[in-house]
Protein backbone atom coordinates (compact mmCIF):
# COMPACT_ATOMS: atom_id res chain seq x y z
CA UNK A 1 1.76 33.99 -28.15
CA UNK A 2 -0.34 30.85 -27.84
CA UNK A 3 1.14 27.91 -25.95
CA UNK A 4 1.45 24.40 -27.43
CA UNK A 5 0.69 21.96 -24.61
CA UNK A 6 1.55 18.28 -25.04
CA UNK A 7 0.80 15.11 -23.05
CA UNK A 8 3.55 13.27 -21.18
CA UNK A 9 2.16 9.95 -20.05
CA UNK A 10 5.66 8.60 -19.50
CA UNK A 11 9.33 9.59 -19.74
CA UNK A 12 9.58 8.74 -23.46
CA UNK A 13 6.57 10.92 -24.30
CA UNK A 14 8.10 13.75 -22.29
CA UNK A 15 11.26 13.47 -24.40
CA UNK A 16 9.20 13.49 -27.62
CA UNK A 17 7.07 16.47 -26.60
CA UNK A 18 10.02 18.63 -25.61
CA UNK A 19 12.09 17.39 -28.55
CA UNK A 20 9.45 18.45 -31.07
CA UNK A 21 9.00 21.91 -29.61
CA UNK A 22 6.09 21.84 -27.16
CA UNK A 23 6.01 24.94 -24.97
CA UNK A 24 4.64 22.98 -22.03
CA UNK A 25 3.72 19.45 -20.99
CA UNK A 26 1.09 18.05 -18.66
CA UNK A 27 1.49 14.83 -16.72
CA UNK A 28 0.00 12.83 -13.89
CA UNK A 29 1.36 11.26 -10.73
CA UNK A 30 0.32 8.00 -9.12
CA UNK A 31 -2.96 9.25 -7.66
CA UNK A 32 -5.72 11.84 -8.12
CA UNK A 33 -5.42 11.97 -11.88
CA UNK A 34 -7.87 10.99 -14.64
CA UNK A 35 -5.45 8.65 -16.42
CA UNK A 36 -4.51 6.16 -13.73
CA UNK A 37 -4.22 3.44 -16.37
CA UNK A 38 -1.12 4.98 -17.94
CA UNK A 39 2.31 4.59 -16.30
CA UNK A 40 2.52 8.21 -14.97
CA UNK A 41 5.52 9.56 -13.05
CA UNK A 42 7.20 8.42 -9.84
CA UNK A 43 8.07 11.10 -7.27
CA UNK A 44 11.75 11.31 -8.18
CA UNK A 45 10.98 11.30 -11.92
CA UNK A 46 8.52 14.14 -11.46
CA UNK A 47 10.85 16.28 -9.39
CA UNK A 48 13.61 15.77 -11.96
CA UNK A 49 11.17 16.59 -14.78
CA UNK A 50 10.19 19.90 -13.19
CA UNK A 51 13.82 20.95 -12.82
CA UNK A 52 14.83 19.76 -16.29
CA UNK A 53 11.85 21.25 -18.12
CA UNK A 54 12.32 24.59 -16.37
CA UNK A 55 16.00 24.58 -17.32
CA UNK A 56 14.89 24.48 -20.96
CA UNK A 57 12.54 27.41 -20.50
CA UNK A 58 9.43 25.23 -20.78
CA UNK A 59 6.48 24.74 -18.43
CA UNK A 60 5.09 21.68 -16.71
CA UNK A 61 1.56 21.19 -15.39
CA UNK A 62 0.28 18.43 -13.13
CA UNK A 63 -3.13 16.83 -13.47
CA UNK A 64 -4.97 16.50 -10.17
CA UNK A 65 -8.22 16.16 -12.07
CA UNK A 66 -10.40 13.62 -10.29
CA UNK A 67 -12.92 13.96 -7.48
CA UNK A 68 -11.78 13.17 -3.96
CA UNK A 69 -13.70 11.24 -1.32
CA UNK A 70 -13.84 12.45 2.28
CA UNK A 71 -11.49 9.70 3.49
CA UNK A 72 -8.84 10.87 1.01
CA UNK A 73 -8.75 14.57 1.88
CA UNK A 74 -5.71 14.35 4.15
CA UNK A 75 -3.78 12.48 1.46
CA UNK A 76 -4.86 15.15 -1.03
CA UNK A 77 -3.64 17.89 1.33
CA UNK A 78 -0.25 16.17 1.63
CA UNK A 79 -0.01 15.91 -2.17
CA UNK A 80 -0.78 19.62 -2.55
CA UNK A 81 1.83 20.47 0.07
CA UNK A 82 4.38 18.37 -1.84
CA UNK A 83 3.50 20.04 -5.14
CA UNK A 84 3.73 23.45 -3.51
CA UNK A 85 7.33 22.62 -2.58
CA UNK A 86 8.35 21.10 -5.94
CA UNK A 87 6.70 24.01 -7.80
CA UNK A 88 5.35 22.88 -11.14
CA UNK A 89 3.87 25.74 -13.15
CA UNK A 90 0.27 24.83 -12.42
CA UNK A 91 -2.23 22.21 -11.32
CA UNK A 92 -5.10 21.10 -13.57
CA UNK A 93 -7.95 20.41 -11.14
CA UNK A 94 -11.52 19.14 -11.01
CA UNK A 95 -12.53 18.89 -7.35
CA UNK A 96 -13.62 22.12 -5.68
CA UNK A 97 -11.80 20.90 -2.56
CA UNK A 98 -8.47 21.73 -4.20
CA UNK A 99 -9.58 25.30 -4.83
CA UNK A 100 -10.67 25.61 -1.20
CA UNK A 101 -7.46 24.12 0.19
CA UNK A 102 -5.27 26.21 -2.10
CA UNK A 103 -7.06 29.41 -1.11
CA UNK A 104 -6.42 28.73 2.57
CA UNK A 105 -3.04 26.95 2.64
CA UNK A 106 -1.29 27.42 -0.73
CA UNK A 107 -2.31 30.84 -2.06
CA UNK A 108 0.63 31.07 -4.50
CA UNK A 109 -0.24 27.79 -6.24
CA UNK A 110 -1.46 28.32 -9.82
CA UNK A 111 -4.69 26.44 -10.60
CA UNK A 112 -6.27 25.60 -13.95
CA UNK A 113 -9.84 24.32 -14.19
CA UNK A 114 -9.84 20.93 -15.92
CA UNK A 115 -12.21 20.16 -18.77
CA UNK A 116 -13.64 17.69 -16.22
CA UNK A 117 -15.05 20.72 -14.40
CA UNK A 118 -17.51 21.13 -17.31
CA UNK A 119 -17.06 24.81 -18.12
CA UNK A 120 -18.48 25.98 -21.45
CA UNK A 121 -19.64 29.58 -20.86
CA UNK A 122 -18.28 33.00 -19.96
CA UNK A 123 -20.32 32.92 -16.73
CA UNK A 124 -18.51 29.80 -15.56
CA UNK A 125 -15.09 31.07 -16.62
CA UNK A 126 -15.57 34.42 -14.88
CA UNK A 127 -16.70 32.87 -11.60
CA UNK A 128 -13.62 30.63 -11.51
CA UNK A 129 -11.39 33.54 -12.49
CA UNK A 130 -12.65 35.56 -9.53
CA UNK A 131 -11.95 32.58 -7.30
CA UNK A 132 -8.28 32.72 -8.24
CA UNK A 133 -8.00 30.21 -11.09
CA UNK A 134 -5.64 31.52 -13.76
CA UNK A 135 -6.83 29.32 -16.62
CA UNK A 136 -9.89 27.33 -17.66
CA UNK A 137 -9.77 24.33 -20.00
CA UNK A 138 -12.96 24.68 -22.01
CA UNK A 139 -15.32 21.79 -22.64
CA UNK A 140 -14.72 20.22 -26.06
CA UNK A 141 -18.32 20.49 -27.21
CA UNK A 142 -18.15 24.16 -28.20
CA UNK A 143 -18.18 25.68 -31.66
CA UNK A 144 -15.80 28.38 -32.88
CA UNK A 145 -18.26 31.25 -32.41
CA UNK A 146 -19.01 30.11 -28.86
CA UNK A 147 -15.31 30.03 -28.00
CA UNK A 148 -14.82 33.46 -29.55
CA UNK A 149 -17.71 34.86 -27.49
CA UNK A 150 -16.24 33.47 -24.26
CA UNK A 151 -12.80 34.91 -25.04
CA UNK A 152 -14.33 38.34 -25.66
CA UNK A 153 -16.11 38.18 -22.28
CA UNK A 154 -13.30 37.19 -19.93
CA UNK A 155 -9.76 38.05 -18.89
CA UNK A 156 -9.08 34.52 -17.62
CA UNK A 157 -6.74 32.42 -19.75
CA UNK A 158 -8.44 29.87 -22.00
CA UNK A 159 -7.05 26.47 -22.95
CA UNK A 160 -8.71 24.13 -25.44
CA UNK A 161 -8.18 20.68 -26.89
CA UNK A 162 -7.22 20.68 -30.57
CA UNK A 163 -6.26 17.05 -31.22
CA UNK A 164 -6.95 13.59 -29.85
CA UNK A 165 -9.64 11.31 -28.48
CA UNK A 166 -13.14 12.53 -27.67
CA UNK A 167 -15.69 11.47 -25.08
CA UNK A 168 -19.17 10.40 -26.17
CA UNK A 169 -20.64 12.50 -23.35
CA UNK A 170 -20.20 16.15 -22.44
CA UNK A 171 -16.91 16.92 -20.73
CA UNK A 172 -16.85 15.78 -17.11
CA UNK A 173 -20.43 14.47 -17.18
CA UNK A 174 -19.96 10.89 -18.43
CA UNK A 175 -21.30 8.17 -16.14
CA UNK A 176 -21.15 5.42 -18.80
CA UNK A 177 -18.16 3.62 -17.27
CA UNK A 178 -19.64 3.90 -13.77
CA UNK A 179 -22.97 2.48 -14.94
CA UNK A 180 -21.57 -0.35 -17.02
CA UNK A 181 -18.54 -1.41 -15.01
CA UNK A 182 -18.65 0.33 -11.66
CA UNK A 183 -15.47 2.31 -12.43
CA UNK A 184 -15.80 6.08 -12.60
CA UNK A 185 -14.12 8.32 -15.15
CA UNK A 186 -14.25 11.02 -12.49
CA UNK A 187 -12.07 8.79 -10.33
CA UNK A 188 -9.48 8.15 -13.05
CA UNK A 189 -10.71 4.64 -13.84
CA UNK A 190 -12.67 5.01 -17.09
CA UNK A 191 -13.07 1.61 -18.76
CA UNK A 192 -13.90 3.31 -22.07
CA UNK A 193 -17.27 1.63 -22.36
CA UNK A 194 -17.92 3.86 -25.38
CA UNK A 195 -15.24 2.00 -27.34
CA UNK A 196 -16.95 -1.38 -27.07
CA UNK A 197 -18.92 -3.39 -29.61
CA UNK A 198 -22.72 -3.20 -29.16
CA UNK A 199 -25.77 -4.80 -30.74
CA UNK A 200 -28.65 -2.58 -31.84
CA UNK A 201 -32.17 -3.85 -32.39
CA UNK A 202 -33.08 -2.48 -35.83
CA UNK A 203 -36.33 -2.97 -37.84
CA UNK A 204 -34.44 -5.26 -40.22
CA UNK A 205 -32.93 -7.23 -37.36
CA UNK A 206 -29.98 -6.95 -34.94
CA UNK A 207 -26.97 -4.95 -36.16
CA UNK A 208 -23.61 -4.66 -34.46
CA UNK A 209 -21.24 -1.72 -34.35
CA UNK A 210 -19.26 0.78 -32.31
CA UNK A 211 -22.27 3.01 -31.77
CA UNK A 212 -20.79 5.13 -28.96
CA UNK A 213 -17.17 5.44 -30.17
CA UNK A 214 -16.46 8.98 -31.44
CA UNK A 215 -13.90 9.84 -34.09
CA UNK A 216 -10.76 11.68 -32.99
CA UNK A 217 -10.57 15.46 -32.88
CA UNK A 218 -8.30 17.25 -35.37
CA UNK A 219 -8.32 21.05 -35.59
CA UNK A 220 -4.99 21.73 -37.24
CA UNK A 221 -6.67 23.73 -40.02
CA UNK A 222 -8.41 25.97 -37.45
CA UNK A 223 -5.24 26.89 -35.54
CA UNK A 224 -4.79 30.26 -37.36
CA UNK A 225 -8.38 31.29 -36.52
CA UNK A 226 -7.96 30.28 -32.89
CA UNK A 227 -4.64 32.12 -32.57
CA UNK A 228 -6.27 35.25 -33.96
CA UNK A 229 -9.05 35.27 -31.37
CA UNK A 230 -6.47 34.92 -28.59
CA UNK A 231 -6.73 31.35 -27.26
CA UNK A 232 -3.89 31.02 -24.75
CA UNK A 233 -3.08 27.32 -24.98
CA UNK A 234 -3.66 24.53 -27.51
CA UNK A 235 -3.82 21.14 -25.85
CA UNK A 236 -3.08 17.76 -27.42
CA UNK A 237 -4.81 14.76 -25.82
CA UNK A 238 -2.84 11.56 -25.41
CA UNK A 239 -1.34 10.64 -22.04
CA UNK A 240 -2.08 7.00 -22.90
CA UNK A 241 -0.56 7.28 -26.40
CA UNK A 242 2.94 6.31 -27.51
CA UNK A 243 5.93 8.66 -27.60
CA UNK A 244 5.97 8.32 -31.39
CA UNK A 245 2.39 9.55 -31.57
CA UNK A 246 3.13 12.48 -29.26
CA UNK A 247 6.18 13.47 -31.28
CA UNK A 248 4.39 13.32 -34.63
CA UNK A 249 1.39 15.36 -33.49
CA UNK A 250 3.45 17.97 -31.64
CA UNK A 251 5.69 18.48 -34.67
CA UNK A 252 2.68 19.07 -36.95
CA UNK A 253 1.00 21.64 -34.68
CA UNK A 254 4.35 23.31 -33.93
CA UNK A 255 4.93 23.80 -37.64
CA UNK A 256 1.52 25.33 -38.27
CA UNK A 257 1.76 27.64 -35.25
CA UNK A 258 5.19 28.86 -36.38
CA UNK A 259 4.49 29.31 -40.10
CA UNK A 260 0.80 30.12 -40.71
CA UNK A 261 1.34 33.88 -40.84
CA UNK A 262 3.74 33.64 -43.78
CA UNK A 263 1.73 31.02 -45.71
CA UNK A 264 -1.53 29.96 -44.11
CA UNK A 265 -2.65 27.42 -46.72
CA UNK A 266 0.82 25.94 -47.17
CA UNK A 267 1.44 25.65 -43.43
CA UNK A 268 -1.83 23.77 -42.88
CA UNK A 269 -1.15 21.42 -45.81
CA UNK A 270 2.32 20.68 -44.47
CA UNK A 271 0.90 20.06 -41.02
CA UNK A 272 -1.63 17.62 -42.42
CA UNK A 273 1.13 15.72 -44.23
CA UNK A 274 3.06 15.50 -40.99
CA UNK A 275 -0.01 13.94 -39.36
CA UNK A 276 -0.23 11.22 -42.02
CA UNK A 277 1.60 8.82 -39.70
CA UNK A 278 -1.10 9.21 -37.05
CA UNK A 279 -2.83 5.83 -37.34
CA UNK A 280 -5.54 6.72 -34.87
CA UNK A 281 -9.27 6.81 -35.57
CA UNK A 282 -11.03 8.72 -38.33
CA UNK A 283 -10.77 12.48 -37.72
CA UNK A 284 -13.51 15.01 -37.05
CA UNK A 285 -13.67 18.75 -36.48
CA UNK A 286 -16.42 17.96 -33.95
CA UNK A 287 -18.63 21.05 -33.32
CA UNK A 288 -16.34 23.62 -34.91
CA UNK A 289 -17.92 23.58 -38.38
CA UNK A 290 -21.54 23.65 -37.18
CA UNK A 291 -23.06 27.11 -37.45
CA UNK A 292 -25.62 26.52 -34.67
CA UNK A 293 -26.14 23.96 -31.86
CA UNK A 294 -29.30 22.85 -33.68
CA UNK A 295 -27.29 22.04 -36.79
CA UNK A 296 -24.86 20.12 -34.61
CA UNK A 297 -27.61 18.05 -33.04
CA UNK A 298 -28.97 17.22 -36.50
CA UNK A 299 -25.63 16.31 -38.12
CA UNK A 300 -23.43 15.19 -35.25
CA UNK A 301 -24.17 11.50 -35.68
CA UNK A 302 -22.80 11.39 -39.21
CA UNK A 303 -19.89 13.75 -38.52
CA UNK A 304 -18.69 12.39 -35.18
CA UNK A 305 -19.65 8.71 -34.94
CA UNK A 306 -18.69 5.88 -37.28
CA UNK A 307 -20.21 2.59 -36.04
CA UNK A 308 -18.12 0.60 -38.54
CA UNK A 309 -14.89 1.95 -37.08
CA UNK A 310 -13.19 -0.20 -34.47
CA UNK A 311 -13.10 1.35 -31.02
CA UNK A 312 -9.37 0.89 -30.72
CA UNK A 313 -6.67 3.32 -31.79
CA UNK A 314 -4.61 2.68 -34.90
CA UNK A 315 -4.67 0.25 -37.82
CA UNK A 316 -6.20 -3.07 -36.83
CA UNK A 317 -3.56 -5.82 -36.92
CA UNK A 318 -5.91 -8.56 -35.79
CA UNK A 319 -6.58 -10.56 -32.66
CA UNK A 320 -4.10 -12.81 -30.88
CA UNK A 321 -4.60 -16.41 -32.04
CA UNK A 322 -1.54 -18.17 -30.62
CA UNK A 323 1.03 -17.61 -27.86
CA UNK A 324 4.38 -19.14 -26.94
CA UNK A 325 7.27 -18.34 -24.65
CA UNK A 326 9.77 -15.72 -25.79
CA UNK A 327 13.52 -16.41 -25.85
CA UNK A 328 15.23 -15.71 -22.52
CA UNK A 329 17.50 -13.07 -24.05
CA UNK A 330 14.44 -11.10 -25.26
CA UNK A 331 12.94 -11.15 -21.77
CA UNK A 332 16.24 -10.00 -20.25
CA UNK A 333 16.52 -7.18 -22.81
CA UNK A 334 13.00 -5.99 -21.95
CA UNK A 335 13.78 -5.97 -18.23
CA UNK A 336 17.02 -4.09 -18.82
CA UNK A 337 15.40 -1.32 -20.85
CA UNK A 338 12.14 -1.01 -18.89
CA UNK A 339 11.36 1.99 -16.70
CA UNK A 340 11.40 1.30 -12.94
CA UNK A 341 7.62 1.47 -12.60
CA UNK A 342 6.80 -1.04 -15.36
CA UNK A 343 4.55 -3.79 -13.90
CA UNK A 344 6.34 -7.11 -13.59
CA UNK A 345 3.62 -8.87 -15.57
CA UNK A 346 4.41 -6.77 -18.65
CA UNK A 347 8.09 -7.72 -18.45
CA UNK A 348 7.24 -11.38 -19.04
CA UNK A 349 7.60 -10.97 -22.80
CA UNK A 350 5.86 -13.57 -24.96
CA UNK A 351 5.54 -14.30 -28.68
CA UNK A 352 2.18 -14.02 -30.39
CA UNK A 353 0.53 -14.61 -33.76
CA UNK A 354 -2.24 -12.30 -35.02
CA UNK A 355 -5.10 -12.97 -37.40
CA UNK A 356 -7.62 -10.70 -39.09
CA UNK A 357 -5.49 -7.67 -39.99
CA UNK A 358 -4.02 -6.37 -43.24
CA UNK A 359 -0.49 -5.43 -42.11
CA UNK A 360 2.37 -7.46 -40.66
CA UNK A 361 4.39 -5.54 -38.03
CA UNK A 362 8.20 -5.31 -38.22
CA UNK A 363 10.81 -4.72 -35.52
CA UNK A 364 10.72 -1.08 -34.45
CA UNK A 365 6.99 -0.64 -35.14
CA UNK A 366 4.83 0.62 -32.28
CA UNK A 367 1.69 -1.38 -31.51
CA UNK A 368 -1.11 -1.13 -28.97
CA UNK A 369 -2.71 -4.12 -27.29
CA UNK A 370 -6.28 -4.12 -25.95
CA UNK A 371 -7.59 -6.75 -23.58
CA UNK A 372 -10.90 -8.13 -24.81
CA UNK A 373 -12.56 -7.42 -21.46
CA UNK A 374 -11.30 -3.82 -21.75
CA UNK A 375 -9.40 -4.10 -18.47
CA UNK A 376 -6.20 -2.75 -19.96
CA UNK A 377 -4.51 -1.14 -22.98
CA UNK A 378 -0.75 -0.97 -23.42
CA UNK A 379 1.55 0.49 -26.06
CA UNK A 380 4.58 -1.61 -27.03
CA UNK A 381 7.53 -1.30 -29.41
CA UNK A 382 8.16 -4.53 -31.32
CA UNK A 383 11.68 -5.91 -30.77
CA UNK A 384 11.58 -9.28 -32.46
CA UNK A 385 9.70 -10.86 -35.38
CA UNK A 386 10.09 -14.52 -36.31
CA UNK A 387 8.85 -15.27 -39.87
CA UNK A 388 7.82 -18.89 -40.57
CA UNK A 389 8.04 -20.68 -43.90
CA UNK A 390 4.28 -20.33 -44.38
CA UNK A 391 4.56 -16.56 -43.98
CA UNK A 392 3.05 -16.38 -40.50
CA UNK A 393 4.84 -14.29 -37.93
CA UNK A 394 5.61 -14.58 -34.24
CA UNK A 395 5.77 -11.07 -32.75
CA UNK A 396 6.92 -10.18 -29.24
CA UNK A 397 4.27 -8.65 -26.96
CA UNK A 398 4.14 -7.80 -23.24
CA UNK A 399 2.94 -10.32 -20.71
CA UNK A 400 -0.62 -10.13 -19.46
CA UNK A 401 -2.30 -10.49 -22.87
CA UNK A 402 -4.05 -13.58 -24.17
CA UNK A 403 -5.75 -15.09 -27.20
CA UNK A 404 -8.69 -13.00 -28.35
CA UNK A 405 -7.12 -9.70 -27.33
CA UNK A 406 -6.87 -7.05 -30.09
CA UNK A 407 -3.71 -5.49 -31.54
CA UNK A 408 -3.38 -2.18 -33.43
CA UNK A 409 -0.52 -0.48 -35.29
CA UNK A 410 0.31 2.96 -33.91
CA UNK A 411 3.39 3.87 -35.91
CA UNK A 412 5.92 2.24 -38.21
CA UNK A 413 9.65 2.25 -37.55
CA UNK A 414 10.24 4.50 -40.55
CA UNK A 415 8.40 7.36 -38.81
CA UNK A 416 9.94 6.85 -35.36
CA UNK A 417 12.58 9.19 -33.94
CA UNK A 418 15.03 9.20 -31.07
CA UNK A 419 14.93 12.27 -28.84
CA UNK A 420 17.40 13.74 -26.35
CA UNK A 421 16.61 12.58 -22.85
CA UNK A 422 15.01 15.30 -20.71
CA UNK A 423 15.60 13.66 -17.32
CA UNK A 424 19.14 13.18 -15.99
CA UNK A 425 20.45 9.62 -15.83
CA UNK A 426 21.02 9.82 -12.08
CA UNK A 427 17.86 10.53 -10.08
CA UNK A 428 19.32 9.73 -6.67
CA UNK A 429 19.33 13.35 -5.48
CA UNK A 430 15.60 13.77 -6.11
CA UNK A 431 14.12 12.50 -2.86
CA UNK A 432 11.08 14.61 -2.08
CA UNK A 433 7.82 12.83 -1.40
CA UNK A 434 4.51 13.81 0.21
CA UNK A 435 4.96 14.04 3.95
CA UNK A 436 2.76 13.11 6.89
CA UNK A 437 1.25 16.55 7.59
CA UNK A 438 -2.07 16.63 9.34
CA UNK A 439 -4.93 18.27 7.50
CA UNK A 440 -6.09 21.24 9.60
CA UNK A 441 -9.62 21.08 10.91
CA UNK A 442 -12.12 22.79 8.66
CA UNK A 443 -14.08 25.53 10.36
CA UNK A 444 -17.73 24.92 9.57
CA UNK A 445 -20.14 27.80 9.18
CA UNK A 446 -22.95 27.66 11.78
CA UNK A 447 -26.41 27.33 10.24
CA UNK A 448 -29.13 29.70 11.41
CA UNK A 449 -32.38 28.35 12.82
CA UNK A 450 -34.49 29.08 9.73
CA UNK A 451 -31.69 29.38 7.20
CA UNK A 452 -32.47 26.04 5.54
CA UNK A 453 -36.26 26.19 5.80
CA UNK A 454 -36.51 25.80 2.03
CA UNK A 455 -34.99 22.31 2.36
CA UNK A 456 -37.20 20.41 4.88
CA UNK A 457 -36.81 16.78 5.84
CA UNK A 458 -38.95 14.33 3.90
CA UNK A 459 -39.40 12.75 0.49
CA UNK A 460 -38.10 14.58 -2.60
CA UNK A 461 -39.14 13.39 -6.07
CA UNK A 462 -37.56 14.55 -9.34
CA UNK A 463 -39.57 14.61 -12.57
CA UNK A 464 -39.01 15.82 -16.13
CA UNK A 465 -42.56 16.72 -17.22
CA UNK A 466 -45.37 18.79 -15.77
CA UNK A 467 -47.77 15.86 -16.00
CA UNK A 468 -45.49 13.83 -13.72
CA UNK A 469 -45.90 16.48 -11.01
CA UNK A 470 -49.50 15.27 -10.72
CA UNK A 471 -48.53 11.58 -10.84
CA UNK A 472 -46.13 11.77 -7.87
CA UNK A 473 -48.59 13.44 -5.53
CA UNK A 474 -49.76 10.05 -4.27
CA UNK A 475 -46.32 9.69 -2.62
CA UNK A 476 -46.85 12.94 -0.69
CA UNK A 477 -43.43 14.49 -1.36
CA UNK A 478 -42.37 17.54 0.63
CA UNK A 479 -40.71 18.90 -2.49
CA UNK A 480 -40.95 18.14 -6.20
CA UNK A 481 -37.82 18.75 -8.26
CA UNK A 482 -38.70 19.48 -11.88
CA UNK A 483 -36.09 19.52 -14.62
CA UNK A 484 -35.94 22.70 -16.68
CA UNK A 485 -36.40 21.84 -20.36
CA UNK A 486 -38.31 23.35 -23.28
CA UNK A 487 -41.63 21.80 -22.25
CA UNK A 488 -41.43 22.62 -18.54
CA UNK A 489 -40.07 26.12 -19.16
CA UNK A 490 -43.01 27.06 -21.39
CA UNK A 491 -45.51 25.48 -19.03
CA UNK A 492 -44.17 27.26 -15.96
CA UNK A 493 -43.87 30.66 -17.61
CA UNK A 494 -47.04 30.61 -19.70
CA UNK A 495 -49.17 29.30 -16.80
CA UNK A 496 -50.94 26.81 -19.04
CA UNK A 497 -51.18 24.26 -16.25
CA UNK A 498 -52.35 24.84 -12.68
CA UNK A 499 -49.98 22.67 -10.66
CA UNK A 500 -51.06 20.72 -7.54
CA UNK A 501 -48.19 22.19 -5.49
CA UNK A 502 -47.20 25.71 -4.54
CA UNK A 503 -44.18 27.42 -6.08
CA UNK A 504 -42.51 27.11 -2.70
CA UNK A 505 -42.79 23.31 -2.92
CA UNK A 506 -41.29 23.23 -6.41
CA UNK A 507 -37.54 23.14 -6.99
CA UNK A 508 -36.23 23.71 -10.52
CA UNK A 509 -33.25 21.59 -11.58
CA UNK A 510 -30.94 23.12 -14.21
CA UNK A 511 -29.26 21.17 -17.01
CA UNK A 512 -25.61 20.43 -16.15
CA UNK A 513 -24.53 21.33 -19.70
CA UNK A 514 -24.59 25.11 -20.10
CA UNK A 515 -23.01 26.08 -23.44
CA UNK A 516 -22.15 29.59 -24.50
CA UNK A 517 -24.75 29.52 -27.29
CA UNK A 518 -27.63 29.24 -24.80
CA UNK A 519 -26.07 31.21 -21.92
CA UNK A 520 -28.00 34.44 -22.54
CA UNK A 521 -31.26 32.57 -23.08
CA UNK A 522 -30.87 30.68 -19.80
CA UNK A 523 -30.04 33.87 -17.93
CA UNK A 524 -33.24 35.46 -19.23
CA UNK A 525 -35.29 32.36 -18.39
CA UNK A 526 -34.01 32.38 -14.81
CA UNK A 527 -34.93 36.05 -14.44
CA UNK A 528 -38.43 35.30 -15.76
CA UNK A 529 -38.88 32.32 -13.41
CA UNK A 530 -37.78 34.39 -10.41
CA UNK A 531 -40.21 37.14 -11.41
CA UNK A 532 -42.96 34.50 -11.49
CA UNK A 533 -42.18 33.54 -7.88
CA UNK A 534 -39.97 30.44 -8.28
CA UNK A 535 -37.17 30.79 -5.77
CA UNK A 536 -35.35 27.45 -5.35
CA UNK A 537 -32.98 26.12 -8.01
CA UNK A 538 -30.82 22.98 -8.18
CA UNK A 539 -27.58 24.15 -9.79
CA UNK A 540 -25.39 21.68 -11.69
CA UNK A 541 -22.81 23.96 -13.30
CA UNK A 542 -20.58 26.75 -12.02
CA UNK A 543 -22.26 29.04 -14.56
CA UNK A 544 -25.58 28.58 -12.74
CA UNK A 545 -24.02 29.96 -9.55
CA UNK A 546 -22.78 33.02 -11.40
CA UNK A 547 -26.20 33.66 -12.98
CA UNK A 548 -28.05 33.36 -9.66
CA UNK A 549 -25.46 35.14 -7.52
CA UNK A 550 -26.98 38.04 -5.57
CA UNK A 551 -30.59 37.36 -6.63
CA UNK A 552 -32.91 38.42 -3.82
CA UNK A 553 -34.82 35.63 -2.02
CA UNK A 554 -33.31 32.93 -4.26
CA UNK A 555 -31.97 29.68 -2.74
CA UNK A 556 -29.44 27.46 -4.52
CA UNK A 557 -29.17 23.70 -3.97
CA UNK A 558 -25.97 22.01 -5.08
CA UNK A 559 -26.93 19.39 -7.66
CA UNK A 560 -25.40 15.93 -8.20
CA UNK A 561 -23.23 17.07 -11.12
CA UNK A 562 -21.19 19.34 -8.85
CA UNK A 563 -19.64 16.15 -7.41
CA UNK A 564 -19.53 17.13 -3.74
CA UNK A 565 -17.77 14.08 -2.32
CA UNK A 566 -16.03 15.83 0.58
CA UNK A 567 -16.53 18.65 3.08
CA UNK A 568 -13.84 20.87 1.56
CA UNK A 569 -15.74 20.93 -1.74
CA UNK A 570 -18.91 21.67 0.22
CA UNK A 571 -17.13 24.51 2.02
CA UNK A 572 -16.09 26.12 -1.29
CA UNK A 573 -19.64 25.85 -2.59
CA UNK A 574 -20.98 27.36 0.64
CA UNK A 575 -18.83 30.38 -0.13
CA UNK A 576 -20.70 30.63 -3.45
CA UNK A 577 -24.03 30.81 -1.63
CA UNK A 578 -25.01 27.13 -1.67
CA UNK A 579 -26.16 25.70 1.64
CA UNK A 580 -27.80 22.36 0.75
CA UNK A 581 -26.84 19.54 -1.59
CA UNK A 582 -28.08 16.58 -3.60
CA UNK A 583 -25.52 13.80 -3.34
CA UNK A 584 -23.63 12.85 -6.54
CA UNK A 585 -24.61 9.77 -8.51
């Protein structure tokens, strides 16, 4: 039976997920997870959650889904050792270093490949399955037929997102936040640059809009089809969403999963009605209704992006226009009811007036506040509303927000529920924390004298067209890296152009996105290129390693999209036949 997997960004969301019937939850700790901006779980809360969730016959997975720098590897090792002792049901991972460490030190630890690992083909899934990973979270950019093909070609468990926010880039490949704000999504610090307001230079003049902000994914009507093809786990996105949101979405998908066999149409309609309180962005089925990737490329803009839609989640309540101090008793109430890890700044409750929206919040409503510089987003349940004679309202909000910041409605009080508490009231007996173990020294594989002759010292230049190969010759590069695309593939295989460098001096860089729909074509292209005498390839996806594995006289270079930030990741890739690397961006 397929698993319903729900987000638990905090204790309240954990209660909602379990209360509405999720089979499993996933959560993050205070480091090495891709949602560092949510509250996450303290050590004692996590240990208690594992015990309590297991007591109810449910599962709990931990996200360790960011890349790790070399200076952090000992801290990562200590975290893995701690998790091995607490024993959650699995770790959702991105960095190859975790696979390498688990293979050597924690062989019984269950690993799941995060969607951040950018796996969208049977070749990638099968390689990771052989390396001991039990489950792979597929990239979100796949259509139904692609997912079905992967499932038919692997014995590894498959997990897929069915509801929630989308990324404007391919899974795990987005550098937008890094480029714009210096904060990497692959380090858990995404500033959501895609949700911002941009100006476009159009023929008729400048136009503004949310040009990079995708709609939210909703696949509740496809659940029966996905169950029938054997998908093992349906994942709901939302570790930064409110408990009310988590509860509402889990209840809808739980209902459809439990009742579609007896009445498919009725179950889906009921599920959709249950989602009516989800005040998030406009919904999309993303790539699932496109028959071919080409159709998706042609229609995706209209189906997935809505520039007129605000980048924030929920119904727009307006921007903050005025602030004043909150009554002392309201501040004391907030402090009394806050979780231990709530930042002190947020506990300094203040009163605010909004302008520009079409709804006035009431006590008990859940709202979300967005700083105008996009440095923070916080969900908040309204406790107090002061209505003036002129109809304007003072509404309590957390500290740390100012005039000009945006406010959105997530859920009204009428749709909110109270759930049984999963964690015990007394956490004093839960005292485990990562220790001070020393990371064992990594044994490095000696390199033979001529083993890396294909990777000489000197200048390397990467180009995307055959004509550029000629242009860069004035720089006298020792190697030219040429990107494999439709134009370069045809030129290299059809021999239309006599290049100014030998095949030995040419390295072919493969596209980091390797979807199931083009997997067979790429495999054939690689075979043709090898037959033509091209022997060095820059691989940017685990599927590339699988396709080139065992090819005679072929050398693989680890590309920048493999994110080799530490020697343990390098060691795992060496075991896949990669001996040289291009540093990540």
